[in-house]
Amino acid sequence: MNAAGTLFEHSGTTRTLIVPAQRSMAKRAGATVVEAKGSHAIYVLQPKAVAELIEKAANGLSMK
């Protein structure tokens, strides 16, 4: 996790959202990026990945 604690999870395979734009915005925010397979509704298709991200953020652990 970065110093500000910004995390960003997205799907690299979504057809609804523009993936390069998502990556660019996350980079601008200085976010730690986690990419999971799925559509734009990543929290529905990959709930375990989203839950792990939330847990790590809550615990302040590194995403590496």
N, C-alpha and C. Protein backbone atom coordinates (compact mmCIF):
# COMPACT_ATOMS: atom_id res chain seq x y z
N MET A 1 0.85 -1.17 0.00
CA MET A 1 0.00 0.00 0.00
C MET A 1 0.90 1.24 0.00
N ASN A 2 0.49 2.27 -0.69
CA ASN A 2 1.31 3.48 -0.71
C ASN A 2 1.11 4.29 0.56
N ALA A 3 1.85 5.37 0.67
CA ALA A 3 1.83 6.16 1.90
C ALA A 3 0.44 6.71 2.21
N ALA A 4 -0.31 7.07 1.17
CA ALA A 4 -1.65 7.63 1.39
C ALA A 4 -2.68 6.54 1.62
N GLY A 5 -2.31 5.29 1.36
CA GLY A 5 -3.24 4.20 1.57
C GLY A 5 -4.25 4.04 0.45
N THR A 6 -3.94 4.53 -0.74
CA THR A 6 -4.86 4.45 -1.85
C THR A 6 -4.74 3.11 -2.55
N LEU A 7 -5.85 2.41 -2.67
CA LEU A 7 -5.89 1.13 -3.35
C LEU A 7 -6.89 1.21 -4.50
N PHE A 8 -6.62 0.48 -5.56
CA PHE A 8 -7.50 0.49 -6.72
C PHE A 8 -7.55 -0.91 -7.30
N GLU A 9 -8.73 -1.49 -7.32
CA GLU A 9 -8.89 -2.81 -7.91
C GLU A 9 -9.76 -2.67 -9.14
N HIS A 10 -9.35 -3.32 -10.20
CA HIS A 10 -10.14 -3.26 -11.43
C HIS A 10 -9.98 -4.53 -12.22
N SER A 11 -10.83 -4.65 -13.22
CA SER A 11 -10.78 -5.79 -14.11
C SER A 11 -10.04 -5.40 -15.37
N GLY A 12 -9.08 -6.20 -15.74
CA GLY A 12 -8.34 -5.94 -16.97
C GLY A 12 -9.07 -6.43 -18.20
N THR A 13 -10.21 -7.08 -18.02
CA THR A 13 -10.93 -7.64 -19.16
C THR A 13 -12.30 -7.03 -19.36
N THR A 14 -12.62 -5.96 -18.65
CA THR A 14 -13.93 -5.34 -18.80
C THR A 14 -14.10 -4.74 -20.19
N ARG A 15 -15.30 -4.79 -20.68
CA ARG A 15 -15.62 -4.17 -21.97
C ARG A 15 -16.43 -2.90 -21.78
N THR A 16 -16.85 -2.65 -20.55
CA THR A 16 -17.67 -1.49 -20.26
C THR A 16 -16.82 -0.26 -19.94
N LEU A 17 -15.76 -0.47 -19.21
CA LEU A 17 -14.89 0.62 -18.80
C LEU A 17 -13.59 0.59 -19.61
N ILE A 18 -13.01 1.73 -19.82
CA ILE A 18 -11.78 1.82 -20.59
C ILE A 18 -10.60 1.51 -19.66
N VAL A 19 -10.03 0.33 -19.83
CA VAL A 19 -8.97 -0.16 -18.93
C VAL A 19 -7.77 0.78 -18.90
N PRO A 20 -7.23 1.24 -20.04
CA PRO A 20 -6.08 2.15 -19.96
C PRO A 20 -6.41 3.44 -19.18
N ALA A 21 -7.64 3.91 -19.29
CA ALA A 21 -8.03 5.10 -18.54
C ALA A 21 -8.05 4.81 -17.04
N GLN A 22 -8.54 3.62 -16.66
CA GLN A 22 -8.56 3.24 -15.25
C GLN A 22 -7.14 3.19 -14.70
N ARG A 23 -6.25 2.56 -15.46
CA ARG A 23 -4.85 2.45 -15.02
C ARG A 23 -4.21 3.82 -14.88
N SER A 24 -4.50 4.70 -15.83
CA SER A 24 -3.95 6.05 -15.80
C SER A 24 -4.44 6.83 -14.57
N MET A 25 -5.72 6.72 -14.28
CA MET A 25 -6.27 7.43 -13.12
C MET A 25 -5.70 6.87 -11.81
N ALA A 26 -5.54 5.56 -11.76
CA ALA A 26 -4.96 4.95 -10.56
C ALA A 26 -3.52 5.41 -10.37
N LYS A 27 -2.78 5.47 -11.46
CA LYS A 27 -1.38 5.92 -11.40
C LYS A 27 -1.32 7.37 -10.93
N ARG A 28 -2.21 8.21 -11.47
CA ARG A 28 -2.25 9.62 -11.06
C ARG A 28 -2.53 9.76 -9.57
N ALA A 29 -3.35 8.86 -9.05
CA ALA A 29 -3.70 8.91 -7.63
C ALA A 29 -2.62 8.28 -6.76
N GLY A 30 -1.60 7.68 -7.40
CA GLY A 30 -0.55 7.02 -6.65
C GLY A 30 -1.04 5.76 -5.96
N ALA A 31 -2.04 5.13 -6.55
CA ALA A 31 -2.67 3.96 -5.92
C ALA A 31 -1.87 2.68 -6.14
N THR A 32 -2.00 1.79 -5.20
CA THR A 32 -1.54 0.42 -5.38
C THR A 32 -2.64 -0.26 -6.16
N VAL A 33 -2.29 -0.85 -7.31
CA VAL A 33 -3.29 -1.42 -8.21
C VAL A 33 -3.32 -2.93 -8.10
N VAL A 34 -4.53 -3.46 -8.00
CA VAL A 34 -4.76 -4.90 -8.01
C VAL A 34 -5.70 -5.17 -9.17
N GLU A 35 -5.31 -6.06 -10.05
CA GLU A 35 -6.13 -6.38 -11.21
C GLU A 35 -6.66 -7.80 -11.08
N ALA A 36 -7.96 -7.96 -11.29
CA ALA A 36 -8.59 -9.27 -11.21
C ALA A 36 -9.36 -9.53 -12.50
N LYS A 37 -9.50 -10.80 -12.85
CA LYS A 37 -10.26 -11.17 -14.05
C LYS A 37 -11.75 -11.00 -13.79
N GLY A 38 -12.43 -10.43 -14.75
CA GLY A 38 -13.88 -10.28 -14.62
C GLY A 38 -14.36 -9.05 -15.37
N SER A 39 -15.63 -8.75 -15.22
CA SER A 39 -16.23 -7.61 -15.89
C SER A 39 -16.14 -6.38 -14.99
N HIS A 40 -16.92 -5.37 -15.36
CA HIS A 40 -16.92 -4.15 -14.56
C HIS A 40 -17.53 -4.38 -13.17
N ALA A 41 -18.27 -5.45 -12.99
CA ALA A 41 -18.86 -5.77 -11.68
C ALA A 41 -17.94 -6.74 -10.93
N ILE A 42 -16.71 -6.33 -10.74
CA ILE A 42 -15.68 -7.21 -10.17
C ILE A 42 -16.06 -7.70 -8.78
N TYR A 43 -16.75 -6.89 -8.02
CA TYR A 43 -17.15 -7.27 -6.67
C TYR A 43 -18.15 -8.43 -6.67
N VAL A 44 -18.87 -8.62 -7.77
CA VAL A 44 -19.82 -9.73 -7.88
C VAL A 44 -19.11 -10.99 -8.39
N LEU A 45 -18.24 -10.83 -9.37
CA LEU A 45 -17.58 -11.97 -10.00
C LEU A 45 -16.36 -12.48 -9.24
N GLN A 46 -15.69 -11.60 -8.51
CA GLN A 46 -14.49 -11.96 -7.76
C GLN A 46 -14.60 -11.46 -6.32
N PRO A 47 -15.62 -11.89 -5.58
CA PRO A 47 -15.80 -11.36 -4.23
C PRO A 47 -14.63 -11.66 -3.30
N LYS A 48 -13.97 -12.80 -3.49
CA LYS A 48 -12.84 -13.14 -2.63
C LYS A 48 -11.69 -12.14 -2.83
N ALA A 49 -11.39 -11.82 -4.09
CA ALA A 49 -10.32 -10.86 -4.38
C ALA A 49 -10.64 -9.49 -3.79
N VAL A 50 -11.89 -9.07 -3.91
CA VAL A 50 -12.29 -7.77 -3.37
C VAL A 50 -12.22 -7.79 -1.84
N ALA A 51 -12.69 -8.89 -1.22
CA ALA A 51 -12.65 -8.99 0.24
C ALA A 51 -11.21 -8.97 0.75
N GLU A 52 -10.31 -9.67 0.04
CA GLU A 52 -8.90 -9.67 0.45
C GLU A 52 -8.31 -8.27 0.36
N LEU A 53 -8.66 -7.53 -0.67
CA LEU A 53 -8.17 -6.16 -0.82
C LEU A 53 -8.67 -5.30 0.34
N ILE A 54 -9.93 -5.43 0.67
CA ILE A 54 -10.51 -4.64 1.77
C ILE A 54 -9.85 -5.01 3.10
N GLU A 55 -9.63 -6.30 3.32
CA GLU A 55 -8.97 -6.73 4.55
C GLU A 55 -7.56 -6.19 4.65
N LYS A 56 -6.81 -6.26 3.56
CA LYS A 56 -5.44 -5.74 3.57
C LYS A 56 -5.43 -4.24 3.80
N ALA A 57 -6.37 -3.54 3.20
CA ALA A 57 -6.44 -2.09 3.39
C ALA A 57 -6.77 -1.77 4.85
N ALA A 58 -7.71 -2.52 5.40
CA ALA A 58 -8.09 -2.30 6.79
C ALA A 58 -6.95 -2.58 7.76
N ASN A 59 -6.14 -3.56 7.41
CA ASN A 59 -5.01 -3.93 8.27
C ASN A 59 -3.76 -3.13 7.96
N GLY A 60 -3.78 -2.34 6.89
CA GLY A 60 -2.64 -1.53 6.54
C GLY A 60 -1.45 -2.34 6.07
N LEU A 61 -1.69 -3.51 5.50
CA LEU A 61 -0.60 -4.38 5.04
C LEU A 61 -0.18 -4.04 3.62
N SER A 62 1.03 -4.40 3.29
CA SER A 62 1.54 -4.19 1.95
C SER A 62 0.81 -5.10 0.97
N MET A 63 0.57 -4.60 -0.24
CA MET A 63 -0.09 -5.39 -1.28
C MET A 63 0.92 -6.15 -2.13
N LYS A 64 2.17 -6.12 -1.78
CA LYS A 64 3.21 -6.77 -2.60
C LYS A 64 3.18 -8.26 -2.43
